[in-house]
Amino acid sequence: MAWSCAGVRWAEGRPELRWFGAGRERGSALAFGQELAFVARGERRCVGVWRAGRRTPCPVGAVVPGRGTRDQCAECARIDRSFSVAADTNAGDQRPYAVYVAWFGPGLLKVGITGVRRGPARLHEQGAVAFAWLGRGPLMAARRAEELLGAALKVPDRIPYARKRAVRLALPPVEERLAELRDCHARAVALPGWPESLERSEFQPVDHTDLFGLDAMRAEPAAQVRVVRELVAGGGVAGRLVGAAGPDLFLRPRDGGGPVVVDGRLLGGWELVAADAERVGVSVPVEPLSVREEAGGGVQGGLF
């Protein structure tokens, strides 16, 4: 049976590749030090809609662009947004939500919300270098707090992913990043107008240096880092996994051409088959690491 990739997800504090096929889903846990080698086969097709723990296949099996980070066709994306906390079309969700402040680099902080039952998985999926909880409570209270913090502290609710990736290789010491996080947390919980039903959280920072393998990433000169631009039929990627943050897999290939970053969002919708690492190398389009802005970011997912 052919399995199509559904991208990179984080589960129980570790990254994994997700797969779907013939109404089934599975995950392949990833570990630093392991060799990855795969070749893309066929065409990249829409992954359908994931809702309530089930995937509904795309009714037409639409082909989606290889270069885009969105792995859905326009119609399936519309269905996703039609009943979504992230798109504010499911305001009646009764589950508790948590508000957080995340740190991605000097001056790069953002506020957001996530379902309490998901724990820190949302922060792992975003590639947050460090974070702290601000409070927890009903969905609408969490949303009001998110808006309040964004307006009062001038902290955005979204940062272009290319910028997160670029600063990840040149981070200041842990003490400096946590100090910036501590200052933002203190200002946030002291703001007037905090929703009464949202319980404030004490400052308990979490740093992801070890979880993401950041030290191994920073050991590589940024000028030598290559980023996969897209997968193509017959093209492959092979290398040893040395780090992972958010959807990014940081590989050290055997070809001597410098480290390669594979954005897991580009994998969704492809049938990926195992390959020989020595023969495959890196045979897909790549580009130098840059801080270019991304287009078509769409609605954030995975809140709960």
C-alpha atoms as a PDB file:
ATOM      1  CA  MET A   1       0.000   0.000   0.000  1.00  0.00           C
ATOM      2  CA  ALA A   2       1.274   3.467  -0.904  1.00  0.00           C
ATOM      3  CA  TRP A   3       1.594   5.933   1.957  1.00  0.00           C
ATOM      4  CA  SER A   4       1.569   9.695   1.412  1.00  0.00           C
ATOM      5  CA  CYS A   5       3.350  12.062   3.759  1.00  0.00           C
ATOM      6  CA  ALA A   6       1.347  14.478   5.905  1.00  0.00           C
ATOM      7  CA  GLY A   7       4.382  16.489   6.997  1.00  0.00           C
ATOM      8  CA  VAL A   8       6.260  16.829  10.263  1.00  0.00           C
ATOM      9  CA  ARG A   9       4.405  16.851  13.582  1.00  0.00           C
ATOM     10  CA  TRP A  10       5.506  16.889  17.213  1.00  0.00           C
ATOM     11  CA  ALA A  11       4.194  14.288  19.639  1.00  0.00           C
ATOM     12  CA  GLU A  12       5.291  13.720  23.232  1.00  0.00           C
ATOM     13  CA  GLY A  13       8.209  16.102  22.839  1.00  0.00           C
ATOM     14  CA  ARG A  14       9.731  14.632  19.695  1.00  0.00           C
ATOM     15  CA  PRO A  15       9.318  15.130  15.945  1.00  0.00           C
ATOM     16  CA  GLU A  16       7.799  12.546  13.670  1.00  0.00           C
ATOM     17  CA  LEU A  17       6.843  12.138  10.040  1.00  0.00           C
ATOM     18  CA  ARG A  18       3.117  11.604   9.598  1.00  0.00           C
ATOM     19  CA  TRP A  19       1.701   9.296   6.923  1.00  0.00           C
ATOM     20  CA  PHE A  20      -1.760   8.492   5.560  1.00  0.00           C
ATOM     21  CA  GLY A  21      -3.151   5.956   3.138  1.00  0.00           C
ATOM     22  CA  ALA A  22      -6.280   3.835   2.586  1.00  0.00           C
ATOM     23  CA  GLY A  23      -8.072   5.465   5.516  1.00  0.00           C
ATOM     24  CA  ARG A  24      -5.212   4.855   7.952  1.00  0.00           C
ATOM     25  CA  GLU A  25      -2.741   7.164   9.702  1.00  0.00           C
ATOM     26  CA  ARG A  26       0.624   6.456  11.254  1.00  0.00           C
ATOM     27  CA  GLY A  27       3.732   8.228  12.450  1.00  0.00           C
ATOM     28  CA  SER A  28       7.467   7.559  12.134  1.00  0.00           C
ATOM     29  CA  ALA A  29       9.340   8.906  15.156  1.00  0.00           C
ATOM     30  CA  LEU A  30      12.553  10.781  14.365  1.00  0.00           C
ATOM     31  CA  ALA A  31      15.725  10.784  16.458  1.00  0.00           C
ATOM     32  CA  PHE A  32      18.865  12.878  16.189  1.00  0.00           C
ATOM     33  CA  GLY A  33      21.715  10.919  14.647  1.00  0.00           C
ATOM     34  CA  GLN A  34      19.570   8.762  12.381  1.00  0.00           C
ATOM     35  CA  GLU A  35      19.999   8.706   8.604  1.00  0.00           C
ATOM     36  CA  LEU A  36      17.098   9.911   6.478  1.00  0.00           C
ATOM     37  CA  ALA A  37      16.935   9.191   2.757  1.00  0.00           C
ATOM     38  CA  PHE A  38      13.872   9.447   0.538  1.00  0.00           C
ATOM     39  CA  VAL A  39      12.773  10.119  -3.024  1.00  0.00           C
ATOM     40  CA  ALA A  40       9.522  11.826  -4.069  1.00  0.00           C
ATOM     41  CA  ARG A  41       7.293   9.834  -6.401  1.00  0.00           C
ATOM     42  CA  GLY A  42       4.417  10.871  -8.667  1.00  0.00           C
ATOM     43  CA  GLU A  43       2.684  14.205  -8.061  1.00  0.00           C
ATOM     44  CA  ARG A  44       2.059  16.190  -4.933  1.00  0.00           C
ATOM     45  CA  ARG A  45      -1.617  15.915  -4.062  1.00  0.00           C
ATOM     46  CA  CYS A  46      -3.921  17.568  -1.530  1.00  0.00           C
ATOM     47  CA  VAL A  47      -3.875  15.895   1.885  1.00  0.00           C
ATOM     48  CA  GLY A  48      -7.596  16.516   2.459  1.00  0.00           C
ATOM     49  CA  VAL A  49      -9.120  17.692   5.733  1.00  0.00           C
ATOM     50  CA  TRP A  50      -8.126  16.576   9.227  1.00  0.00           C
ATOM     51  CA  ARG A  51     -10.894  17.101  11.759  1.00  0.00           C
ATOM     52  CA  ALA A  52     -11.874  15.426  15.035  1.00  0.00           C
ATOM     53  CA  GLY A  53      -9.076  12.894  14.728  1.00  0.00           C
ATOM     54  CA  ARG A  54     -10.046  11.755  11.240  1.00  0.00           C
ATOM     55  CA  ARG A  55      -8.860  12.604   7.750  1.00  0.00           C
ATOM     56  CA  THR A  56     -11.348  13.140   4.941  1.00  0.00           C
ATOM     57  CA  PRO A  57      -9.573  12.647   1.596  1.00  0.00           C
ATOM     58  CA  CYS A  58      -9.677  15.370  -1.018  1.00  0.00           C
ATOM     59  CA  PRO A  59     -12.658  14.386  -3.212  1.00  0.00           C
ATOM     60  CA  VAL A  60     -10.781  15.133  -6.460  1.00  0.00           C
ATOM     61  CA  GLY A  61      -7.243  14.275  -5.392  1.00  0.00           C
ATOM     62  CA  ALA A  62      -6.182  17.748  -6.472  1.00  0.00           C
ATOM     63  CA  VAL A  63      -2.566  18.390  -7.447  1.00  0.00           C
ATOM     64  CA  VAL A  64      -0.962  21.151  -5.341  1.00  0.00           C
ATOM     65  CA  PRO A  65       2.178  23.200  -6.136  1.00  0.00           C
ATOM     66  CA  GLY A  66       5.459  21.652  -5.037  1.00  0.00           C
ATOM     67  CA  ARG A  67       6.943  24.944  -3.875  1.00  0.00           C
ATOM     68  CA  GLY A  68       4.136  26.049  -1.553  1.00  0.00           C
ATOM     69  CA  THR A  69       4.037  25.253   2.154  1.00  0.00           C
ATOM     70  CA  ARG A  70       0.275  24.648   1.992  1.00  0.00           C
ATOM     71  CA  ASP A  71      -0.511  20.990   1.298  1.00  0.00           C
ATOM     72  CA  GLN A  72      -4.231  21.502   0.648  1.00  0.00           C
ATOM     73  CA  CYS A  73      -6.210  22.569  -2.376  1.00  0.00           C
ATOM     74  CA  ALA A  74      -8.320  25.717  -2.081  1.00  0.00           C
ATOM     75  CA  GLU A  75     -11.570  23.816  -1.444  1.00  0.00           C
ATOM     76  CA  CYS A  76     -10.183  21.608   1.342  1.00  0.00           C
ATOM     77  CA  ALA A  77      -8.554  24.649   2.929  1.00  0.00           C
ATOM     78  CA  ARG A  78     -11.931  26.423   2.833  1.00  0.00           C
ATOM     79  CA  ILE A  79     -13.592  23.474   4.586  1.00  0.00           C
ATOM     80  CA  ASP A  80     -10.849  23.543   7.232  1.00  0.00           C
ATOM     81  CA  ARG A  81     -11.490  27.219   7.915  1.00  0.00           C
ATOM     82  CA  SER A  82     -15.255  26.771   8.080  1.00  0.00           C
ATOM     83  CA  PHE A  83     -15.104  25.202  11.554  1.00  0.00           C
ATOM     84  CA  SER A  84     -11.851  26.305  13.094  1.00  0.00           C
ATOM     85  CA  VAL A  85     -10.764  27.934  16.327  1.00  0.00           C
ATOM     86  CA  ALA A  86      -7.758  29.382  14.507  1.00  0.00           C
ATOM     87  CA  ALA A  87     -10.015  31.055  11.929  1.00  0.00           C
ATOM     88  CA  ASP A  88     -12.509  32.206  14.595  1.00  0.00           C
ATOM     89  CA  THR A  89     -15.268  30.049  13.088  1.00  0.00           C
ATOM     90  CA  ASN A  90     -15.655  27.780  16.113  1.00  0.00           C
ATOM     91  CA  ALA A  91     -16.129  30.202  18.995  1.00  0.00           C
ATOM     92  CA  GLY A  92     -18.269  27.698  20.905  1.00  0.00           C
ATOM     93  CA  ASP A  93     -15.398  25.362  21.781  1.00  0.00           C
ATOM     94  CA  GLN A  94     -15.806  24.589  25.508  1.00  0.00           C
ATOM     95  CA  ARG A  95     -12.319  23.161  26.081  1.00  0.00           C
ATOM     96  CA  PRO A  96      -9.827  25.190  28.169  1.00  0.00           C
ATOM     97  CA  TYR A  97      -7.157  27.201  26.384  1.00  0.00           C
ATOM     98  CA  ALA A  98      -3.776  28.558  27.410  1.00  0.00           C
ATOM     99  CA  VAL A  99      -2.192  31.873  26.434  1.00  0.00           C
ATOM    100  CA  TYR A 100       1.572  31.960  25.925  1.00  0.00           C
ATOM    101  CA  VAL A 101       4.418  34.256  24.952  1.00  0.00           C
ATOM    102  CA  ALA A 102       7.052  32.667  22.717  1.00  0.00           C
ATOM    103  CA  TRP A 103      10.611  33.822  21.962  1.00  0.00           C
ATOM    104  CA  PHE A 104      12.206  33.106  18.578  1.00  0.00           C
ATOM    105  CA  GLY A 105      15.163  35.493  18.591  1.00  0.00           C
ATOM    106  CA  PRO A 106      16.226  38.944  19.871  1.00  0.00           C
ATOM    107  CA  GLY A 107      13.141  41.148  19.667  1.00  0.00           C
ATOM    108  CA  LEU A 108      11.110  38.356  18.065  1.00  0.00           C
ATOM    109  CA  LEU A 109       8.328  37.553  20.521  1.00  0.00           C
ATOM    110  CA  LYS A 110       4.757  36.566  19.809  1.00  0.00           C
ATOM    111  CA  VAL A 111       1.639  35.805  21.782  1.00  0.00           C
ATOM    112  CA  GLY A 112      -0.770  33.012  21.006  1.00  0.00           C
ATOM    113  CA  ILE A 113      -3.211  30.466  22.356  1.00  0.00           C
ATOM    114  CA  THR A 114      -3.365  26.686  22.305  1.00  0.00           C
ATOM    115  CA  GLY A 115      -5.585  23.991  23.746  1.00  0.00           C
ATOM    116  CA  VAL A 116      -4.555  23.052  27.290  1.00  0.00           C
ATOM    117  CA  ARG A 117      -4.821  19.360  26.435  1.00  0.00           C
ATOM    118  CA  ARG A 118      -2.065  19.778  23.806  1.00  0.00           C
ATOM    119  CA  GLY A 119       0.489  20.932  26.367  1.00  0.00           C
ATOM    120  CA  PRO A 120       3.563  22.523  24.717  1.00  0.00           C
ATOM    121  CA  ALA A 121       3.131  20.746  21.349  1.00  0.00           C
ATOM    122  CA  ARG A 122       2.002  23.966  19.652  1.00  0.00           C
ATOM    123  CA  LEU A 123       5.231  25.688  20.746  1.00  0.00           C
ATOM    124  CA  HIS A 124       7.292  22.791  19.389  1.00  0.00           C
ATOM    125  CA  GLU A 125       5.451  22.970  16.066  1.00  0.00           C
ATOM    126  CA  GLN A 126       6.093  26.703  15.781  1.00  0.00           C
ATOM    127  CA  GLY A 127       9.793  26.309  16.497  1.00  0.00           C
ATOM    128  CA  ALA A 128       9.707  28.537  19.590  1.00  0.00           C
ATOM    129  CA  VAL A 129      13.216  28.673  21.043  1.00  0.00           C
ATOM    130  CA  ALA A 130      11.738  29.490  24.467  1.00  0.00           C
ATOM    131  CA  PHE A 131       8.304  30.226  25.892  1.00  0.00           C
ATOM    132  CA  ALA A 132       6.287  30.860  29.040  1.00  0.00           C
ATOM    133  CA  TRP A 133       2.622  30.403  29.846  1.00  0.00           C
ATOM    134  CA  LEU A 134       0.663  33.577  30.605  1.00  0.00           C
ATOM    135  CA  GLY A 135      -2.702  32.170  31.657  1.00  0.00           C
ATOM    136  CA  ARG A 136      -5.449  29.660  31.032  1.00  0.00           C
ATOM    137  CA  GLY A 137      -9.217  29.679  30.833  1.00  0.00           C
ATOM    138  CA  PRO A 138     -12.167  29.634  28.384  1.00  0.00           C
ATOM    139  CA  LEU A 139     -11.532  30.135  24.679  1.00  0.00           C
ATOM    140  CA  MET A 140     -13.057  33.597  24.349  1.00  0.00           C
ATOM    141  CA  ALA A 141     -11.187  34.863  27.419  1.00  0.00           C
ATOM    142  CA  ALA A 142      -7.959  33.540  25.936  1.00  0.00           C
ATOM    143  CA  ARG A 143      -8.747  35.259  22.645  1.00  0.00           C
ATOM    144  CA  ARG A 144      -9.433  38.585  24.409  1.00  0.00           C
ATOM    145  CA  ALA A 145      -6.148  38.308  26.294  1.00  0.00           C
ATOM    146  CA  GLU A 146      -4.291  37.572  23.046  1.00  0.00           C
ATOM    147  CA  GLU A 147      -5.770  40.699  21.454  1.00  0.00           C
ATOM    148  CA  LEU A 148      -5.092  42.800  24.559  1.00  0.00           C
ATOM    149  CA  LEU A 149      -1.442  41.769  24.693  1.00  0.00           C
ATOM    150  CA  GLY A 150      -0.911  42.331  21.006  1.00  0.00           C
ATOM    151  CA  ALA A 151      -2.337  45.846  21.151  1.00  0.00           C
ATOM    152  CA  ALA A 152      -0.812  46.962  24.457  1.00  0.00           C
ATOM    153  CA  LEU A 153       2.648  45.405  24.141  1.00  0.00           C
ATOM    154  CA  LYS A 154       2.959  45.620  20.341  1.00  0.00           C
ATOM    155  CA  VAL A 155       3.676  41.894  20.254  1.00  0.00           C
ATOM    156  CA  PRO A 156       2.423  40.189  17.064  1.00  0.00           C
ATOM    157  CA  ASP A 157       0.525  36.902  16.872  1.00  0.00           C
ATOM    158  CA  ARG A 158       2.577  35.752  13.888  1.00  0.00           C
ATOM    159  CA  ILE A 159       6.202  35.902  12.715  1.00  0.00           C
ATOM    160  CA  PRO A 160       7.250  34.904   9.171  1.00  0.00           C
ATOM    161  CA  TYR A 161       8.808  31.484   9.376  1.00  0.00           C
ATOM    162  CA  ALA A 162      11.809  32.357   7.198  1.00  0.00           C
ATOM    163  CA  ARG A 163      12.805  34.923   9.827  1.00  0.00           C
ATOM    164  CA  LYS A 164      12.565  32.368  12.637  1.00  0.00           C
ATOM    165  CA  ARG A 165      14.790  30.004  10.662  1.00  0.00           C
ATOM    166  CA  ALA A 166      17.426  32.621   9.913  1.00  0.00           C
ATOM    167  CA  VAL A 167      17.923  33.834  13.502  1.00  0.00           C
ATOM    168  CA  ARG A 168      17.972  30.298  14.907  1.00  0.00           C
ATOM    169  CA  LEU A 169      21.621  29.834  13.921  1.00  0.00           C
ATOM    170  CA  ALA A 170      22.884  32.917  15.791  1.00  0.00           C
ATOM    171  CA  LEU A 171      21.132  32.989  19.154  1.00  0.00           C
ATOM    172  CA  PRO A 172      22.322  34.852  22.261  1.00  0.00           C
ATOM    173  CA  PRO A 173      23.013  32.941  25.491  1.00  0.00           C
ATOM    174  CA  VAL A 174      20.090  31.318  27.289  1.00  0.00           C
ATOM    175  CA  GLU A 175      20.226  33.927  30.072  1.00  0.00           C
ATOM    176  CA  GLU A 176      19.618  36.777  27.616  1.00  0.00           C
ATOM    177  CA  ARG A 177      16.679  35.149  25.862  1.00  0.00           C
ATOM    178  CA  LEU A 178      15.007  34.231  29.165  1.00  0.00           C
ATOM    179  CA  ALA A 179      15.519  37.779  30.469  1.00  0.00           C
ATOM    180  CA  GLU A 180      13.645  39.164  27.456  1.00  0.00           C
ATOM    181  CA  LEU A 181      10.932  36.579  27.958  1.00  0.00           C
ATOM    182  CA  ARG A 182      10.693  37.394  31.679  1.00  0.00           C
ATOM    183  CA  ASP A 183      10.273  41.106  30.964  1.00  0.00           C
ATOM    184  CA  CYS A 184       7.472  40.479  28.453  1.00  0.00           C
ATOM    185  CA  HIS A 185       5.723  38.087  30.836  1.00  0.00           C
ATOM    186  CA  ALA A 186       5.845  40.613  33.696  1.00  0.00           C
ATOM    187  CA  ARG A 187       4.399  43.399  31.553  1.00  0.00           C
ATOM    188  CA  ALA A 188       1.717  41.094  30.196  1.00  0.00           C
ATOM    189  CA  VAL A 189       0.292  39.816  33.476  1.00  0.00           C
ATOM    190  CA  ALA A 190       0.350  43.347  34.941  1.00  0.00           C
ATOM    191  CA  LEU A 191      -1.844  44.835  32.216  1.00  0.00           C
ATOM    192  CA  PRO A 192      -5.259  46.199  33.218  1.00  0.00           C
ATOM    193  CA  GLY A 193      -8.236  44.690  31.468  1.00  0.00           C
ATOM    194  CA  TRP A 194      -7.084  41.091  31.920  1.00  0.00           C
ATOM    195  CA  PRO A 195     -10.176  38.827  31.470  1.00  0.00           C
ATOM    196  CA  GLU A 196     -11.522  37.795  34.882  1.00  0.00           C
ATOM    197  CA  SER A 197     -12.084  34.185  33.833  1.00  0.00           C
ATOM    198  CA  LEU A 198      -8.469  33.792  32.686  1.00  0.00           C
ATOM    199  CA  GLU A 199      -6.188  32.552  35.448  1.00  0.00           C
ATOM    200  CA  ARG A 200      -2.722  34.119  35.332  1.00  0.00           C
ATOM    201  CA  SER A 201       0.316  31.816  35.279  1.00  0.00           C
ATOM    202  CA  GLU A 202       3.553  32.323  37.166  1.00  0.00           C
ATOM    203  CA  PHE A 203       6.706  32.809  35.143  1.00  0.00           C
ATOM    204  CA  GLN A 204       8.141  29.367  34.463  1.00  0.00           C
ATOM    205  CA  PRO A 205      10.217  29.603  31.271  1.00  0.00           C
ATOM    206  CA  VAL A 206      10.968  26.636  29.053  1.00  0.00           C
ATOM    207  CA  ASP A 207      14.011  26.619  26.760  1.00  0.00           C
ATOM    208  CA  HIS A 208      14.275  24.255  23.787  1.00  0.00           C
ATOM    209  CA  THR A 209      18.035  24.193  23.201  1.00  0.00           C
ATOM    210  CA  ASP A 210      18.353  20.466  23.847  1.00  0.00           C
ATOM    211  CA  LEU A 211      14.931  19.495  22.495  1.00  0.00           C
ATOM    212  CA  PHE A 212      15.637  21.084  19.093  1.00  0.00           C
ATOM    213  CA  GLY A 213      19.351  20.266  18.921  1.00  0.00           C
ATOM    214  CA  LEU A 214      20.132  23.985  18.630  1.00  0.00           C
ATOM    215  CA  ASP A 215      23.793  23.587  19.565  1.00  0.00           C
ATOM    216  CA  ALA A 216      24.330  21.238  16.618  1.00  0.00           C
ATOM    217  CA  MET A 217      22.581  23.682  14.283  1.00  0.00           C
ATOM    218  CA  ARG A 218      24.622  26.667  15.456  1.00  0.00           C
ATOM    219  CA  ALA A 219      27.841  24.734  14.912  1.00  0.00           C
ATOM    220  CA  GLU A 220      27.276  25.121  11.167  1.00  0.00           C
ATOM    221  CA  PRO A 221      28.232  28.396   9.407  1.00  0.00           C
ATOM    222  CA  ALA A 222      25.013  30.035   8.241  1.00  0.00           C
ATOM    223  CA  ALA A 223      26.594  30.853   4.865  1.00  0.00           C
ATOM    224  CA  GLN A 224      26.903  27.130   4.113  1.00  0.00           C
ATOM    225  CA  VAL A 225      23.331  26.196   5.036  1.00  0.00           C
ATOM    226  CA  ARG A 226      21.049  25.270   2.155  1.00  0.00           C
ATOM    227  CA  VAL A 227      17.253  25.223   2.291  1.00  0.00           C
ATOM    228  CA  VAL A 228      15.142  22.877   0.172  1.00  0.00           C
ATOM    229  CA  ARG A 229      12.984  25.047  -2.073  1.00  0.00           C
ATOM    230  CA  GLU A 230      10.663  22.283  -3.259  1.00  0.00           C
ATOM    231  CA  LEU A 231      10.449  18.565  -3.895  1.00  0.00           C
ATOM    232  CA  VAL A 232      10.200  17.262  -7.438  1.00  0.00           C
ATOM    233  CA  ALA A 233       9.226  13.869  -8.793  1.00  0.00           C
ATOM    234  CA  GLY A 234      12.308  11.658  -8.776  1.00  0.00           C
ATOM    235  CA  GLY A 235      14.240  14.064  -6.588  1.00  0.00           C
ATOM    236  CA  GLY A 236      15.590  12.980  -3.242  1.00  0.00           C
ATOM    237  CA  VAL A 237      17.111  14.144   0.023  1.00  0.00           C
ATOM    238  CA  ALA A 238      19.485  12.216   2.256  1.00  0.00           C
ATOM    239  CA  GLY A 239      21.453  13.104   5.369  1.00  0.00           C
ATOM    240  CA  ARG A 240      21.920  12.592   9.071  1.00  0.00           C
ATOM    241  CA  LEU A 241      19.339  14.327  11.248  1.00  0.00           C
ATOM    242  CA  VAL A 242      21.149  16.626  13.696  1.00  0.00           C
ATOM    243  CA  GLY A 243      18.337  18.992  14.686  1.00  0.00           C
ATOM    244  CA  ALA A 244      14.639  19.741  14.310  1.00  0.00           C
ATOM    245  CA  ALA A 245      12.623  22.828  15.177  1.00  0.00           C
ATOM    246  CA  GLY A 246       9.011  23.395  14.233  1.00  0.00           C
ATOM    247  CA  PRO A 247       8.530  21.816  10.799  1.00  0.00           C
ATOM    248  CA  ASP A 248      12.238  22.080   9.943  1.00  0.00           C
ATOM    249  CA  LEU A 249      14.499  19.043   9.752  1.00  0.00           C
ATOM    250  CA  PHE A 250      18.206  19.952   9.884  1.00  0.00           C
ATOM    251  CA  LEU A 251      20.274  17.398   7.954  1.00  0.00           C
ATOM    252  CA  ARG A 252      23.998  16.912   7.436  1.00  0.00           C
ATOM    253  CA  PRO A 253      24.374  15.244   4.000  1.00  0.00           C
ATOM    254  CA  ARG A 254      27.306  13.181   2.836  1.00  0.00           C
ATOM    255  CA  ASP A 255      27.875  15.268  -0.311  1.00  0.00           C
ATOM    256  CA  GLY A 256      30.009  17.856   1.475  1.00  0.00           C
ATOM    257  CA  GLY A 257      27.897  20.715   0.187  1.00  0.00           C
ATOM    258  CA  GLY A 258      26.846  22.038   3.569  1.00  0.00           C
ATOM    259  CA  PRO A 259      23.883  21.345   5.873  1.00  0.00           C
ATOM    260  CA  VAL A 260      20.385  21.153   4.419  1.00  0.00           C
ATOM    261  CA  VAL A 261      17.135  22.320   6.002  1.00  0.00           C
ATOM    262  CA  VAL A 262      13.994  20.477   4.919  1.00  0.00           C
ATOM    263  CA  ASP A 263      10.767  22.327   5.700  1.00  0.00           C
ATOM    264  CA  GLY A 264       8.349  19.552   6.643  1.00  0.00           C
ATOM    265  CA  ARG A 265       5.465  21.567   5.218  1.00  0.00           C
ATOM    266  CA  LEU A 266       6.871  20.874   1.738  1.00  0.00           C
ATOM    267  CA  LEU A 267       6.594  17.121   2.315  1.00  0.00           C
ATOM    268  CA  GLY A 268       2.833  16.981   2.799  1.00  0.00           C
ATOM    269  CA  GLY A 269       1.043  15.369  -0.130  1.00  0.00           C
ATOM    270  CA  TRP A 270       4.041  13.546  -1.603  1.00  0.00           C
ATOM    271  CA  GLU A 271       4.519   9.819  -1.746  1.00  0.00           C
ATOM    272  CA  LEU A 272       8.013   9.431  -0.294  1.00  0.00           C
ATOM    273  CA  VAL A 273       9.905   6.181  -0.738  1.00  0.00           C
ATOM    274  CA  ALA A 274      13.014   5.056   1.112  1.00  0.00           C
ATOM    275  CA  ALA A 275      16.262   5.377  -0.824  1.00  0.00           C
ATOM    276  CA  ASP A 276      19.965   4.630  -0.576  1.00  0.00           C
ATOM    277  CA  ALA A 277      21.600   7.582   1.200  1.00  0.00           C
ATOM    278  CA  GLU A 278      24.881   7.372  -0.720  1.00  0.00           C
ATOM    279  CA  ARG A 279      23.188   7.273  -4.119  1.00  0.00           C
ATOM    280  CA  VAL A 280      20.494   9.911  -3.522  1.00  0.00           C
ATOM    281  CA  GLY A 281      22.409  12.777  -1.924  1.00  0.00           C
ATOM    282  CA  VAL A 282      20.480  16.040  -2.353  1.00  0.00           C
ATOM    283  CA  SER A 283      18.875  16.054  -5.789  1.00  0.00           C
ATOM    284  CA  VAL A 284      16.081  18.598  -5.306  1.00  0.00           C
ATOM    285  CA  PRO A 285      16.200  22.397  -5.802  1.00  0.00           C
ATOM    286  CA  VAL A 286      17.868  24.214  -2.891  1.00  0.00           C
ATOM    287  CA  GLU A 287      18.722  27.818  -2.103  1.00  0.00           C
ATOM    288  CA  PRO A 288      20.938  29.613   0.443  1.00  0.00           C
ATOM    289  CA  LEU A 289      19.510  30.345   3.866  1.00  0.00           C
ATOM    290  CA  SER A 290      17.894  33.784   3.750  1.00  0.00           C
ATOM    291  CA  VAL A 291      15.456  36.018   5.575  1.00  0.00           C
ATOM    292  CA  ARG A 292      13.046  36.376   2.666  1.00  0.00           C
ATOM    293  CA  GLU A 293       9.400  36.766   3.624  1.00  0.00           C
ATOM    294  CA  GLU A 294       6.982  33.925   2.982  1.00  0.00           C
ATOM    295  CA  ALA A 295       3.826  34.412   1.010  1.00  0.00           C
ATOM    296  CA  GLY A 296       0.491  32.759   1.611  1.00  0.00           C
ATOM    297  CA  GLY A 297       0.932  31.946   5.265  1.00  0.00           C
ATOM    298  CA  GLY A 298      -2.743  31.126   5.657  1.00  0.00           C
ATOM    299  CA  VAL A 299      -4.502  30.313   8.895  1.00  0.00           C
ATOM    300  CA  GLN A 300      -2.531  28.786  11.716  1.00  0.00           C
ATOM    301  CA  GLY A 301      -3.521  25.284  12.703  1.00  0.00           C
ATOM    302  CA  GLY A 302      -2.950  22.818  15.479  1.00  0.00           C
ATOM    303  CA  LEU A 303      -4.349  24.960  18.290  1.00  0.00           C
ATOM    304  CA  PHE A 304      -5.951  21.950  19.887  1.00  0.00           C
END
